[in-house]
Amino acid sequence: MTIQQISIFLENRPGQLAAICRTLAKAGVNIVTLSLADTADFGIVRLIVDDHAKGVRALTDAGFAVRETDVVTVTVRNTPGGMAELMEKFDAAGVDIEYSYAYALGAGNEAVLVFRFKDNARALAALA
């Protein structure tokens, strides 16, 4: 399934992630999952939230540099080899993964993998 991810570019200094979390909390937006990557000068926070439009509006209004990106989510078994089976499908189709992160659904047997591909349509076709 393709969904929208929020990417926020920030200075690499203390308090930046807390400010994002406070902004979303004040707007009543729940963070489903996030990924944080950094370099010496800046960071990129990637978020999936429960109300995308409301989250984007709150963050933009608060002055954050926000970018929206289509990502693909895939649910797999949360057991050893669950992700390996999926990677084999992508490898066989020659799908190029730009980045990925994941989260588990509670204490259940499923995990959700979030992917940014060079070609989302090709990745989705590999899953069909």
N, C-alpha and C. Protein backbone atom coordinates (compact mmCIF):
# COMPACT_ATOMS: atom_id res chain seq x y z
N MET A 1 0.84 -1.17 0.00
CA MET A 1 0.00 0.00 0.00
C MET A 1 0.89 1.24 0.00
N THR A 2 0.50 2.25 -0.76
CA THR A 2 1.23 3.51 -0.79
C THR A 2 0.55 4.49 0.16
N ILE A 3 1.36 5.13 1.01
CA ILE A 3 0.85 6.15 1.93
C ILE A 3 1.78 7.35 1.92
N GLN A 4 1.38 8.42 2.59
CA GLN A 4 2.20 9.63 2.63
C GLN A 4 3.02 9.66 3.91
N GLN A 5 4.26 10.01 3.75
CA GLN A 5 5.21 10.18 4.85
C GLN A 5 5.52 11.67 4.96
N ILE A 6 5.76 12.12 6.17
CA ILE A 6 6.19 13.51 6.40
C ILE A 6 7.69 13.48 6.68
N SER A 7 8.44 14.28 5.94
CA SER A 7 9.87 14.44 6.20
C SER A 7 10.10 15.86 6.67
N ILE A 8 10.89 16.01 7.73
CA ILE A 8 11.18 17.32 8.29
C ILE A 8 12.69 17.48 8.36
N PHE A 9 13.17 18.58 7.81
CA PHE A 9 14.60 18.87 7.82
C PHE A 9 14.87 19.86 8.95
N LEU A 10 15.86 19.55 9.81
CA LEU A 10 16.16 20.40 10.94
C LEU A 10 17.63 20.55 11.18
N GLU A 11 17.94 21.61 11.92
CA GLU A 11 19.32 21.77 12.38
C GLU A 11 19.64 20.66 13.36
N ASN A 12 20.89 20.21 13.35
CA ASN A 12 21.32 19.16 14.26
C ASN A 12 21.72 19.79 15.59
N ARG A 13 20.70 20.06 16.43
CA ARG A 13 20.95 20.62 17.75
C ARG A 13 19.88 20.12 18.72
N PRO A 14 20.17 20.13 20.01
CA PRO A 14 19.24 19.61 21.01
C PRO A 14 17.88 20.31 20.97
N GLY A 15 16.84 19.55 21.24
CA GLY A 15 15.49 20.10 21.35
C GLY A 15 14.65 20.05 20.10
N GLN A 16 15.26 19.75 18.96
CA GLN A 16 14.52 19.77 17.70
C GLN A 16 13.45 18.67 17.63
N LEU A 17 13.80 17.46 18.01
CA LEU A 17 12.83 16.36 17.97
C LEU A 17 11.71 16.60 18.98
N ALA A 18 12.06 17.12 20.15
CA ALA A 18 11.05 17.42 21.17
C ALA A 18 10.06 18.45 20.65
N ALA A 19 10.55 19.44 19.92
CA ALA A 19 9.66 20.47 19.36
C ALA A 19 8.67 19.89 18.37
N ILE A 20 9.13 18.95 17.54
CA ILE A 20 8.23 18.28 16.60
C ILE A 20 7.16 17.50 17.36
N CYS A 21 7.60 16.75 18.35
CA CYS A 21 6.66 15.93 19.14
C CYS A 21 5.64 16.81 19.85
N ARG A 22 6.07 17.92 20.44
CA ARG A 22 5.16 18.85 21.12
C ARG A 22 4.16 19.44 20.14
N THR A 23 4.63 19.82 18.98
CA THR A 23 3.75 20.42 17.96
C THR A 23 2.66 19.45 17.56
N LEU A 24 3.03 18.22 17.29
CA LEU A 24 2.04 17.22 16.90
C LEU A 24 1.09 16.90 18.05
N ALA A 25 1.62 16.81 19.25
CA ALA A 25 0.77 16.52 20.43
C ALA A 25 -0.27 17.62 20.62
N LYS A 26 0.15 18.86 20.53
CA LYS A 26 -0.78 19.99 20.69
C LYS A 26 -1.88 19.96 19.63
N ALA A 27 -1.55 19.45 18.45
CA ALA A 27 -2.53 19.36 17.36
C ALA A 27 -3.39 18.10 17.46
N GLY A 28 -3.09 17.23 18.42
CA GLY A 28 -3.85 16.00 18.57
C GLY A 28 -3.51 14.95 17.53
N VAL A 29 -2.29 15.02 17.01
CA VAL A 29 -1.83 14.08 15.98
C VAL A 29 -0.90 13.06 16.63
N ASN A 30 -1.18 11.78 16.41
CA ASN A 30 -0.38 10.71 16.98
C ASN A 30 0.69 10.24 15.99
N ILE A 31 1.90 10.05 16.48
CA ILE A 31 2.99 9.52 15.66
C ILE A 31 2.86 7.99 15.65
N VAL A 32 2.73 7.41 14.47
CA VAL A 32 2.65 5.96 14.33
C VAL A 32 4.05 5.36 14.36
N THR A 33 4.96 5.96 13.61
CA THR A 33 6.37 5.54 13.61
C THR A 33 7.22 6.70 13.10
N LEU A 34 8.50 6.65 13.44
CA LEU A 34 9.41 7.67 12.93
C LEU A 34 10.80 7.09 12.75
N SER A 35 11.54 7.78 11.92
CA SER A 35 12.93 7.45 11.68
C SER A 35 13.70 8.76 11.73
N LEU A 36 14.88 8.71 12.34
CA LEU A 36 15.72 9.90 12.44
C LEU A 36 17.09 9.58 11.87
N ALA A 37 17.52 10.41 10.93
CA ALA A 37 18.86 10.27 10.35
C ALA A 37 19.54 11.61 10.49
N ASP A 38 20.86 11.60 10.71
CA ASP A 38 21.54 12.87 10.87
C ASP A 38 22.88 12.89 10.17
N THR A 39 23.34 14.11 9.95
CA THR A 39 24.70 14.36 9.48
C THR A 39 25.28 15.35 10.49
N ALA A 40 26.43 15.88 10.22
CA ALA A 40 27.05 16.82 11.15
C ALA A 40 26.23 18.11 11.29
N ASP A 41 25.54 18.51 10.23
CA ASP A 41 24.87 19.81 10.22
C ASP A 41 23.35 19.76 10.34
N PHE A 42 22.72 18.70 9.85
CA PHE A 42 21.26 18.67 9.86
C PHE A 42 20.76 17.26 10.07
N GLY A 43 19.47 17.16 10.36
CA GLY A 43 18.82 15.87 10.53
C GLY A 43 17.58 15.80 9.67
N ILE A 44 17.16 14.58 9.40
CA ILE A 44 15.90 14.35 8.69
C ILE A 44 15.07 13.44 9.56
N VAL A 45 13.89 13.93 9.94
CA VAL A 45 12.93 13.11 10.68
C VAL A 45 11.87 12.68 9.67
N ARG A 46 11.64 11.39 9.60
CA ARG A 46 10.60 10.85 8.72
C ARG A 46 9.51 10.28 9.61
N LEU A 47 8.27 10.68 9.36
CA LEU A 47 7.15 10.31 10.21
C LEU A 47 5.98 9.75 9.43
N ILE A 48 5.31 8.80 10.03
CA ILE A 48 3.98 8.39 9.61
C ILE A 48 3.10 8.76 10.80
N VAL A 49 2.04 9.50 10.55
CA VAL A 49 1.15 9.94 11.62
C VAL A 49 -0.27 9.47 11.33
N ASP A 50 -1.13 9.54 12.35
CA ASP A 50 -2.49 9.04 12.18
C ASP A 50 -3.41 9.99 11.42
N ASP A 51 -3.04 11.25 11.30
CA ASP A 51 -3.82 12.22 10.52
C ASP A 51 -2.82 13.06 9.73
N HIS A 52 -2.54 12.61 8.53
CA HIS A 52 -1.48 13.20 7.71
C HIS A 52 -1.70 14.69 7.45
N ALA A 53 -2.87 15.06 6.96
CA ALA A 53 -3.14 16.45 6.60
C ALA A 53 -3.02 17.37 7.82
N LYS A 54 -3.57 16.94 8.94
CA LYS A 54 -3.51 17.73 10.17
C LYS A 54 -2.06 17.87 10.66
N GLY A 55 -1.29 16.79 10.54
CA GLY A 55 0.12 16.81 10.94
C GLY A 55 0.93 17.77 10.09
N VAL A 56 0.75 17.70 8.79
CA VAL A 56 1.48 18.60 7.88
C VAL A 56 1.13 20.05 8.18
N ARG A 57 -0.15 20.32 8.36
CA ARG A 57 -0.59 21.69 8.65
C ARG A 57 0.02 22.21 9.96
N ALA A 58 -0.01 21.40 11.01
CA ALA A 58 0.53 21.82 12.31
C ALA A 58 2.03 22.09 12.22
N LEU A 59 2.76 21.20 11.56
CA LEU A 59 4.22 21.36 11.45
C LEU A 59 4.59 22.56 10.58
N THR A 60 3.87 22.73 9.48
CA THR A 60 4.14 23.87 8.60
C THR A 60 3.82 25.17 9.31
N ASP A 61 2.69 25.23 10.00
CA ASP A 61 2.31 26.43 10.74
C ASP A 61 3.33 26.76 11.83
N ALA A 62 3.99 25.74 12.38
CA ALA A 62 5.00 25.95 13.42
C ALA A 62 6.36 26.33 12.84
N GLY A 63 6.46 26.39 11.51
CA GLY A 63 7.68 26.85 10.87
C GLY A 63 8.68 25.77 10.48
N PHE A 64 8.27 24.51 10.57
CA PHE A 64 9.18 23.43 10.17
C PHE A 64 9.22 23.30 8.65
N ALA A 65 10.38 22.90 8.12
CA ALA A 65 10.54 22.63 6.69
C ALA A 65 10.04 21.21 6.42
N VAL A 66 8.83 21.12 5.89
CA VAL A 66 8.13 19.85 5.72
C VAL A 66 8.09 19.45 4.25
N ARG A 67 8.29 18.17 4.01
CA ARG A 67 8.17 17.60 2.66
C ARG A 67 7.31 16.35 2.76
N GLU A 68 6.42 16.15 1.81
CA GLU A 68 5.57 14.97 1.78
C GLU A 68 6.10 14.01 0.71
N THR A 69 6.15 12.74 1.07
CA THR A 69 6.71 11.73 0.18
C THR A 69 5.81 10.50 0.18
N ASP A 70 5.59 9.93 -1.00
CA ASP A 70 4.88 8.65 -1.08
C ASP A 70 5.84 7.53 -0.71
N VAL A 71 5.41 6.68 0.22
CA VAL A 71 6.18 5.51 0.60
C VAL A 71 5.26 4.29 0.50
N VAL A 72 5.88 3.13 0.48
CA VAL A 72 5.13 1.87 0.41
C VAL A 72 5.24 1.17 1.75
N THR A 73 4.12 0.71 2.26
CA THR A 73 4.13 -0.08 3.49
C THR A 73 3.75 -1.52 3.16
N VAL A 74 4.44 -2.43 3.81
CA VAL A 74 4.19 -3.86 3.61
C VAL A 74 4.13 -4.51 4.99
N THR A 75 3.09 -5.29 5.23
CA THR A 75 2.97 -6.02 6.49
C THR A 75 3.56 -7.41 6.30
N VAL A 76 4.42 -7.81 7.23
CA VAL A 76 5.06 -9.13 7.17
C VAL A 76 4.91 -9.82 8.52
N ARG A 77 5.19 -11.12 8.51
CA ARG A 77 5.21 -11.86 9.77
C ARG A 77 6.34 -11.30 10.64
N ASN A 78 6.07 -11.11 11.91
CA ASN A 78 7.09 -10.62 12.83
C ASN A 78 7.81 -11.81 13.45
N THR A 79 8.48 -12.55 12.58
CA THR A 79 9.23 -13.74 12.97
C THR A 79 10.53 -13.76 12.16
N PRO A 80 11.50 -14.54 12.59
CA PRO A 80 12.72 -14.65 11.81
C PRO A 80 12.41 -15.08 10.37
N GLY A 81 12.92 -14.34 9.42
CA GLY A 81 12.72 -14.66 8.00
C GLY A 81 11.58 -13.89 7.36
N GLY A 82 10.75 -13.20 8.16
CA GLY A 82 9.63 -12.44 7.60
C GLY A 82 10.09 -11.40 6.59
N MET A 83 11.11 -10.67 6.94
CA MET A 83 11.63 -9.65 6.03
C MET A 83 12.45 -10.27 4.90
N ALA A 84 13.12 -11.36 5.17
CA ALA A 84 13.95 -12.01 4.15
C ALA A 84 13.11 -12.44 2.95
N GLU A 85 11.92 -12.98 3.20
CA GLU A 85 11.04 -13.41 2.11
C GLU A 85 10.66 -12.22 1.23
N LEU A 86 10.38 -11.10 1.85
CA LEU A 86 10.03 -9.90 1.11
C LEU A 86 11.21 -9.39 0.28
N MET A 87 12.40 -9.38 0.88
CA MET A 87 13.59 -8.90 0.17
C MET A 87 13.89 -9.77 -1.05
N GLU A 88 13.62 -11.06 -0.95
CA GLU A 88 13.84 -11.95 -2.10
C GLU A 88 12.95 -11.55 -3.27
N LYS A 89 11.72 -11.14 -3.00
CA LYS A 89 10.81 -10.69 -4.08
C LYS A 89 11.36 -9.42 -4.73
N PHE A 90 11.82 -8.48 -3.90
CA PHE A 90 12.36 -7.24 -4.46
C PHE A 90 13.65 -7.50 -5.24
N ASP A 91 14.51 -8.37 -4.71
CA ASP A 91 15.74 -8.71 -5.41
C ASP A 91 15.45 -9.34 -6.77
N ALA A 92 14.50 -10.27 -6.81
CA ALA A 92 14.16 -10.95 -8.06
C ALA A 92 13.63 -9.97 -9.10
N ALA A 93 12.95 -8.92 -8.65
CA ALA A 93 12.39 -7.94 -9.58
C ALA A 93 13.35 -6.79 -9.87
N GLY A 94 14.52 -6.79 -9.25
CA GLY A 94 15.50 -5.73 -9.46
C GLY A 94 15.05 -4.39 -8.90
N VAL A 95 14.32 -4.42 -7.79
CA VAL A 95 13.80 -3.20 -7.18
C VAL A 95 14.89 -2.52 -6.35
N ASP A 96 15.03 -1.21 -6.53
CA ASP A 96 16.05 -0.42 -5.83
C ASP A 96 15.41 0.27 -4.62
N ILE A 97 15.87 -0.06 -3.41
CA ILE A 97 15.36 0.52 -2.18
C ILE A 97 16.24 1.70 -1.79
N GLU A 98 15.63 2.88 -1.62
CA GLU A 98 16.39 4.06 -1.19
C GLU A 98 16.59 4.05 0.32
N TYR A 99 15.54 3.75 1.09
CA TYR A 99 15.65 3.59 2.54
C TYR A 99 14.43 2.86 3.06
N SER A 100 14.54 2.41 4.30
CA SER A 100 13.46 1.66 4.93
C SER A 100 13.54 1.79 6.44
N TYR A 101 12.41 1.66 7.09
CA TYR A 101 12.34 1.53 8.54
C TYR A 101 11.10 0.71 8.86
N ALA A 102 10.95 0.28 10.10
CA ALA A 102 9.88 -0.66 10.43
C ALA A 102 9.33 -0.41 11.82
N TYR A 103 8.16 -1.00 12.05
CA TYR A 103 7.58 -1.00 13.39
C TYR A 103 6.71 -2.23 13.55
N ALA A 104 6.61 -2.71 14.77
CA ALA A 104 5.78 -3.88 15.07
C ALA A 104 4.41 -3.41 15.52
N LEU A 105 3.41 -4.23 15.25
CA LEU A 105 2.04 -3.92 15.64
C LEU A 105 1.77 -4.52 17.01
N GLY A 106 2.05 -3.78 18.05
CA GLY A 106 1.82 -4.26 19.41
C GLY A 106 2.60 -5.51 19.69
N ALA A 107 1.99 -6.42 20.44
CA ALA A 107 2.64 -7.68 20.79
C ALA A 107 2.26 -8.79 19.82
N GLY A 108 1.67 -8.40 18.69
CA GLY A 108 1.18 -9.38 17.73
C GLY A 108 2.26 -10.01 16.89
N ASN A 109 1.84 -10.68 15.86
CA ASN A 109 2.75 -11.41 15.00
C ASN A 109 3.03 -10.71 13.68
N GLU A 110 2.75 -9.40 13.62
CA GLU A 110 2.97 -8.67 12.39
C GLU A 110 3.86 -7.45 12.61
N ALA A 111 4.59 -7.12 11.57
CA ALA A 111 5.40 -5.91 11.56
C ALA A 111 5.10 -5.18 10.26
N VAL A 112 5.24 -3.88 10.28
CA VAL A 112 5.03 -3.07 9.09
C VAL A 112 6.38 -2.49 8.67
N LEU A 113 6.72 -2.70 7.43
CA LEU A 113 7.96 -2.17 6.85
C LEU A 113 7.58 -0.98 5.97
N VAL A 114 8.29 0.12 6.12
CA VAL A 114 8.06 1.33 5.34
C VAL A 114 9.24 1.46 4.39
N PHE A 115 8.95 1.62 3.09
CA PHE A 115 10.00 1.70 2.08
C PHE A 115 9.84 2.95 1.22
N ARG A 116 10.96 3.52 0.87
CA ARG A 116 11.03 4.53 -0.19
C ARG A 116 11.82 3.87 -1.31
N PHE A 117 11.18 3.70 -2.45
CA PHE A 117 11.79 3.07 -3.61
C PHE A 117 12.09 4.11 -4.68
N LYS A 118 13.02 3.78 -5.54
CA LYS A 118 13.24 4.61 -6.73
C LYS A 118 12.00 4.58 -7.62
N ASP A 119 11.31 3.43 -7.64
CA ASP A 119 10.14 3.23 -8.48
C ASP A 119 9.08 2.47 -7.67
N ASN A 120 8.14 3.21 -7.07
CA ASN A 120 7.11 2.57 -6.25
C ASN A 120 6.25 1.60 -7.06
N ALA A 121 5.94 1.94 -8.30
CA ALA A 121 5.10 1.07 -9.13
C ALA A 121 5.78 -0.28 -9.36
N ARG A 122 7.05 -0.26 -9.60
CA ARG A 122 7.80 -1.51 -9.82
C ARG A 122 7.81 -2.36 -8.55
N ALA A 123 7.98 -1.72 -7.40
CA ALA A 123 7.97 -2.43 -6.12
C ALA A 123 6.60 -3.06 -5.87
N LEU A 124 5.55 -2.30 -6.12
CA LEU A 124 4.19 -2.82 -5.90
C LEU A 124 3.91 -3.99 -6.85
N ALA A 125 4.40 -3.90 -8.06
CA ALA A 125 4.23 -5.00 -9.02
C ALA A 125 4.94 -6.26 -8.54
N ALA A 126 6.09 -6.10 -7.92
CA ALA A 126 6.83 -7.26 -7.39
C ALA A 126 6.08 -7.93 -6.27
N LEU A 127 5.24 -7.20 -5.58
CA LEU A 127 4.45 -7.76 -4.47
C LEU A 127 3.15 -8.42 -4.94
N ALA A 128 2.71 -8.08 -6.15
CA ALA A 128 1.41 -8.60 -6.64
C ALA A 128 1.45 -10.09 -6.90
